[in-house]
Amino acid sequence: MPSRTAKALRWAPPPLRRKGWDEVVEADIVSESGRLVMQTLSASKVRFPNLARSGPGRYRLRLYTRQGEDLILVYPAGRRERRDAGRR
């Protein structure tokens, strides 16, 4: 059975790295309600918690895939820029 992992991050993840993955894609998603919940994936019975850790707003979704493994990262869009701006 394939391994599927979903992580909700408070900040943007490290820079995108494709090495070791068959495909990596990113997309914007908006949660008006403050909830991002994924349905079960294919034959897997895995259920994911709310991935909108920061409540309502815009998020980035990054999906890494390779044979037998998927990794899904969800993080607030633009959060890194706001955090870094406060360090100047």
Protein backbone atom coordinates (compact mmCIF):
# COMPACT_ATOMS: atom_id res chain seq x y z
CA MET A 1 0.00 0.00 0.00
CA PRO A 2 1.37 3.46 -0.89
CA SER A 3 2.52 5.77 1.87
CA ARG A 4 0.64 9.09 2.06
CA THR A 5 1.67 11.87 4.40
CA ALA A 6 0.09 15.32 4.79
CA LYS A 7 1.67 18.05 6.91
CA ALA A 8 0.22 21.42 7.86
CA LEU A 9 3.08 23.89 8.38
CA ARG A 10 3.08 27.26 10.14
CA TRP A 11 5.68 28.66 7.72
CA ALA A 12 6.72 28.02 4.16
CA PRO A 13 8.81 24.85 3.80
CA PRO A 14 12.44 24.82 2.71
CA PRO A 15 13.09 25.60 -0.97
CA LEU A 16 11.55 23.19 -3.43
CA ARG A 17 13.81 20.21 -4.13
CA ARG A 18 12.97 17.73 -6.87
CA LYS A 19 15.80 15.24 -6.27
CA GLY A 20 14.41 11.81 -5.42
CA TRP A 21 10.83 12.64 -6.43
CA ASP A 22 9.11 11.74 -9.71
CA GLU A 23 6.98 14.86 -9.69
CA VAL A 24 6.59 17.99 -7.57
CA VAL A 25 3.72 20.45 -8.08
CA GLU A 26 2.46 23.50 -6.22
CA ALA A 27 -0.90 25.26 -6.22
CA ASP A 28 -2.70 28.06 -4.41
CA ILE A 29 -5.84 27.22 -2.47
CA VAL A 30 -8.16 29.45 -0.46
CA SER A 31 -9.96 28.49 2.72
CA GLU A 32 -12.76 30.94 3.44
CA SER A 33 -13.99 28.85 6.38
CA GLY A 34 -10.60 28.17 7.98
CA ARG A 35 -10.82 24.46 7.19
CA LEU A 36 -8.93 22.45 4.59
CA VAL A 37 -9.81 18.80 4.87
CA MET A 38 -8.81 16.17 2.34
CA GLN A 39 -10.95 13.20 1.50
CA THR A 40 -9.38 9.77 1.73
CA LEU A 41 -6.95 9.07 -1.10
CA SER A 42 -7.72 6.22 -3.52
CA ALA A 43 -7.94 2.85 -1.74
CA SER A 44 -6.24 4.21 1.39
CA LYS A 45 -8.30 4.60 4.54
CA VAL A 46 -6.11 7.49 5.72
CA ARG A 47 -8.06 10.51 6.95
CA PHE A 48 -6.33 13.85 7.29
CA PRO A 49 -6.95 16.53 9.93
CA ASN A 50 -7.69 20.19 9.17
CA LEU A 51 -4.69 21.46 7.19
CA ALA A 52 -5.56 25.18 7.52
CA ARG A 53 -3.53 25.78 10.68
CA SER A 54 -3.79 29.57 10.43
CA GLY A 55 -7.54 29.77 9.89
CA PRO A 56 -9.20 31.44 6.90
CA GLY A 57 -6.97 32.67 4.10
CA ARG A 58 -4.75 31.72 1.18
CA TYR A 59 -2.51 28.66 1.36
CA ARG A 60 0.05 26.92 -0.84
CA LEU A 61 -0.14 23.20 -1.40
CA ARG A 62 3.02 21.33 -2.45
CA LEU A 63 2.71 17.73 -3.58
CA TYR A 64 5.70 15.42 -3.91
CA THR A 65 5.15 12.02 -5.56
CA ARG A 66 7.24 8.96 -6.32
CA GLN A 67 6.56 5.28 -6.65
CA GLY A 68 4.59 4.22 -3.58
CA GLU A 69 4.84 7.54 -1.71
CA ASP A 70 3.08 10.91 -1.64
CA LEU A 71 3.97 13.88 0.55
CA ILE A 72 1.58 16.82 0.81
CA LEU A 73 2.67 20.08 2.47
CA VAL A 74 0.18 22.88 3.16
CA TYR A 75 1.32 26.26 4.46
CA PRO A 76 0.02 29.84 4.63
CA ALA A 77 0.84 31.75 1.43
CA GLY A 78 2.97 34.81 2.04
CA ARG A 79 3.67 33.95 5.69
CA ARG A 80 7.43 33.65 5.18
CA GLU A 81 7.64 37.16 3.71
CA ARG A 82 5.79 38.68 6.68
CA ARG A 83 7.96 36.79 9.17
CA ASP A 84 11.21 37.78 7.42
CA ALA A 85 10.14 41.44 7.11
CA GLY A 86 9.89 41.69 10.90
CA ARG A 87 13.54 40.67 11.33
CA ARG A 88 15.03 43.69 9.58
